[in-house]
Amino acid sequence: MTKSKDWRLQPGVQIDDETAAEVAKIACALKSLSLYASLVLEKEDCPEDLQQVVDEGVAAIHKIFAE
């Protein structure tokens, strides 16, 4: 399996292609959830714990994948 062309690994990150592809799927889902939480839900309507989980997930994505 090849790495997704939409995602580039951060320098120094070494994971096999299959794992990178699976993590990229999770990253896409978290990015989508992040957009939903920030655009569709107003901040006062978005539970704080959900926003924290989303923010932590997006931060983790940035440790693995380059923008």
N, C-alpha and C. Protein backbone atom coordinates (compact mmCIF):
# COMPACT_ATOMS: atom_id res chain seq x y z
N MET A 1 0.86 -1.18 0.00
CA MET A 1 0.00 0.00 0.00
C MET A 1 0.90 1.24 0.00
N THR A 2 0.55 2.26 -0.76
CA THR A 2 1.35 3.47 -0.82
C THR A 2 0.79 4.55 0.08
N LYS A 3 1.66 5.49 0.43
CA LYS A 3 1.23 6.61 1.26
C LYS A 3 0.26 7.49 0.48
N SER A 4 -0.67 8.08 1.19
CA SER A 4 -1.62 8.98 0.56
C SER A 4 -0.88 10.17 -0.02
N LYS A 5 -1.22 10.56 -1.22
CA LYS A 5 -0.56 11.70 -1.85
C LYS A 5 -0.96 13.02 -1.21
N ASP A 6 -2.04 13.01 -0.42
CA ASP A 6 -2.49 14.23 0.23
C ASP A 6 -1.77 14.50 1.53
N TRP A 7 -0.99 13.56 2.03
CA TRP A 7 -0.34 13.70 3.32
C TRP A 7 1.16 13.46 3.18
N ARG A 8 1.94 14.36 3.79
CA ARG A 8 3.40 14.19 3.84
C ARG A 8 3.79 14.04 5.31
N LEU A 9 4.67 13.11 5.59
CA LEU A 9 5.13 12.91 6.95
C LEU A 9 6.07 14.04 7.36
N GLN A 10 6.05 14.37 8.64
CA GLN A 10 6.99 15.35 9.18
C GLN A 10 8.39 14.76 9.06
N PRO A 11 9.40 15.63 8.93
CA PRO A 11 10.79 15.13 8.90
C PRO A 11 11.08 14.31 10.16
N GLY A 12 11.71 13.17 9.98
CA GLY A 12 12.06 12.31 11.11
C GLY A 12 11.00 11.30 11.49
N VAL A 13 9.76 11.44 10.99
CA VAL A 13 8.71 10.47 11.31
C VAL A 13 8.86 9.29 10.36
N GLN A 14 8.98 8.11 10.94
CA GLN A 14 9.14 6.90 10.14
C GLN A 14 8.08 5.89 10.53
N ILE A 15 7.11 5.71 9.64
CA ILE A 15 6.10 4.67 9.81
C ILE A 15 5.90 4.01 8.45
N ASP A 16 5.50 2.77 8.48
CA ASP A 16 5.33 2.06 7.21
C ASP A 16 4.14 2.63 6.43
N ASP A 17 4.13 2.36 5.16
CA ASP A 17 3.12 2.93 4.26
C ASP A 17 1.70 2.56 4.66
N GLU A 18 1.48 1.32 5.06
CA GLU A 18 0.14 0.88 5.43
C GLU A 18 -0.35 1.63 6.67
N THR A 19 0.50 1.78 7.66
CA THR A 19 0.14 2.50 8.88
C THR A 19 -0.09 3.97 8.56
N ALA A 20 0.75 4.56 7.73
CA ALA A 20 0.58 5.96 7.35
C ALA A 20 -0.77 6.17 6.67
N ALA A 21 -1.16 5.25 5.82
CA ALA A 21 -2.45 5.37 5.12
C ALA A 21 -3.61 5.29 6.11
N GLU A 22 -3.52 4.39 7.10
CA GLU A 22 -4.57 4.27 8.09
C GLU A 22 -4.63 5.49 8.99
N VAL A 23 -3.47 6.00 9.41
CA VAL A 23 -3.43 7.20 10.25
C VAL A 23 -3.96 8.40 9.47
N ALA A 24 -3.68 8.45 8.17
CA ALA A 24 -4.19 9.54 7.33
C ALA A 24 -5.72 9.53 7.30
N LYS A 25 -6.33 8.35 7.30
CA LYS A 25 -7.80 8.26 7.34
C LYS A 25 -8.33 8.85 8.65
N ILE A 26 -7.66 8.51 9.75
CA ILE A 26 -8.06 9.05 11.05
C ILE A 26 -7.85 10.56 11.07
N ALA A 27 -6.75 11.01 10.49
CA ALA A 27 -6.46 12.44 10.44
C ALA A 27 -7.54 13.19 9.66
N CYS A 28 -7.99 12.62 8.55
CA CYS A 28 -9.06 13.25 7.77
C CYS A 28 -10.34 13.36 8.60
N ALA A 29 -10.65 12.31 9.33
CA ALA A 29 -11.85 12.33 10.16
C ALA A 29 -11.75 13.38 11.25
N LEU A 30 -10.58 13.48 11.90
CA LEU A 30 -10.40 14.48 12.94
C LEU A 30 -10.44 15.90 12.39
N LYS A 31 -9.83 16.09 11.23
CA LYS A 31 -9.89 17.42 10.61
C LYS A 31 -11.34 17.79 10.28
N SER A 32 -12.10 16.83 9.79
CA SER A 32 -13.51 17.08 9.49
C SER A 32 -14.29 17.42 10.76
N LEU A 33 -14.03 16.67 11.82
CA LEU A 33 -14.69 16.94 13.10
C LEU A 33 -14.29 18.31 13.63
N SER A 34 -13.04 18.68 13.46
CA SER A 34 -12.56 19.98 13.89
C SER A 34 -13.29 21.10 13.15
N LEU A 35 -13.41 20.95 11.84
CA LEU A 35 -14.14 21.95 11.05
C LEU A 35 -15.60 22.02 11.49
N TYR A 36 -16.22 20.87 11.69
CA TYR A 36 -17.61 20.83 12.12
C TYR A 36 -17.77 21.52 13.47
N ALA A 37 -16.89 21.18 14.40
CA ALA A 37 -16.99 21.74 15.75
C ALA A 37 -16.80 23.25 15.75
N SER A 38 -15.93 23.75 14.88
CA SER A 38 -15.66 25.18 14.90
C SER A 38 -16.56 26.00 13.98
N LEU A 39 -17.06 25.40 12.91
CA LEU A 39 -17.87 26.16 11.96
C LEU A 39 -19.37 25.97 12.15
N VAL A 40 -19.80 24.76 12.35
CA VAL A 40 -21.23 24.49 12.45
C VAL A 40 -21.75 24.78 13.85
N LEU A 41 -21.01 24.31 14.83
CA LEU A 41 -21.41 24.56 16.21
C LEU A 41 -20.79 25.86 16.68
N GLU A 42 -21.58 26.69 17.29
CA GLU A 42 -21.02 27.90 17.87
C GLU A 42 -20.28 27.49 19.13
N LYS A 43 -19.26 28.26 19.49
CA LYS A 43 -18.42 27.90 20.63
C LYS A 43 -19.24 27.61 21.88
N GLU A 44 -20.27 28.40 22.16
CA GLU A 44 -21.06 28.17 23.38
C GLU A 44 -21.91 26.91 23.29
N ASP A 45 -22.17 26.41 22.05
CA ASP A 45 -22.95 25.20 21.88
C ASP A 45 -22.08 23.94 21.86
N CYS A 46 -20.78 24.11 21.66
CA CYS A 46 -19.87 22.98 21.56
C CYS A 46 -19.38 22.61 22.96
N PRO A 47 -19.63 21.38 23.39
CA PRO A 47 -19.16 20.97 24.70
C PRO A 47 -17.64 21.13 24.81
N GLU A 48 -17.19 21.65 25.93
CA GLU A 48 -15.76 21.92 26.11
C GLU A 48 -14.92 20.65 25.97
N ASP A 49 -15.43 19.53 26.50
CA ASP A 49 -14.66 18.29 26.42
C ASP A 49 -14.53 17.81 24.98
N LEU A 50 -15.56 18.01 24.15
CA LEU A 50 -15.46 17.64 22.74
C LEU A 50 -14.42 18.51 22.04
N GLN A 51 -14.46 19.80 22.30
CA GLN A 51 -13.49 20.70 21.67
C GLN A 51 -12.06 20.34 22.08
N GLN A 52 -11.87 19.96 23.34
CA GLN A 52 -10.55 19.59 23.82
C GLN A 52 -10.05 18.32 23.12
N VAL A 53 -10.92 17.33 22.98
CA VAL A 53 -10.55 16.10 22.29
C VAL A 53 -10.18 16.39 20.84
N VAL A 54 -10.98 17.20 20.19
CA VAL A 54 -10.71 17.56 18.79
C VAL A 54 -9.38 18.29 18.69
N ASP A 55 -9.16 19.27 19.57
CA ASP A 55 -7.91 20.03 19.53
C ASP A 55 -6.69 19.13 19.77
N GLU A 56 -6.80 18.20 20.70
CA GLU A 56 -5.70 17.27 20.97
C GLU A 56 -5.45 16.36 19.77
N GLY A 57 -6.51 15.92 19.12
CA GLY A 57 -6.36 15.08 17.94
C GLY A 57 -5.70 15.81 16.79
N VAL A 58 -6.09 17.05 16.58
CA VAL A 58 -5.49 17.85 15.51
C VAL A 58 -4.02 18.13 15.83
N ALA A 59 -3.70 18.40 17.10
CA ALA A 59 -2.30 18.61 17.49
C ALA A 59 -1.47 17.35 17.23
N ALA A 60 -2.05 16.19 17.51
CA ALA A 60 -1.35 14.93 17.24
C ALA A 60 -1.10 14.73 15.75
N ILE A 61 -2.08 15.11 14.94
CA ILE A 61 -1.92 15.01 13.48
C ILE A 61 -0.71 15.83 13.03
N HIS A 62 -0.58 17.04 13.56
CA HIS A 62 0.50 17.92 13.15
C HIS A 62 1.87 17.40 13.59
N LYS A 63 1.92 16.52 14.59
CA LYS A 63 3.19 15.91 14.98
C LYS A 63 3.63 14.86 13.97
N ILE A 64 2.67 14.27 13.26
CA ILE A 64 2.97 13.20 12.33
C ILE A 64 3.06 13.69 10.88
N PHE A 65 2.09 14.53 10.48
CA PHE A 65 1.99 14.96 9.09
C PHE A 65 2.35 16.42 8.93
N ALA A 66 3.03 16.74 7.81
CA ALA A 66 3.35 18.12 7.46
C ALA A 66 2.13 18.74 6.78
N GLU A 67 2.01 20.03 6.89
CA GLU A 67 0.88 20.75 6.25
C GLU A 67 1.08 20.81 4.76
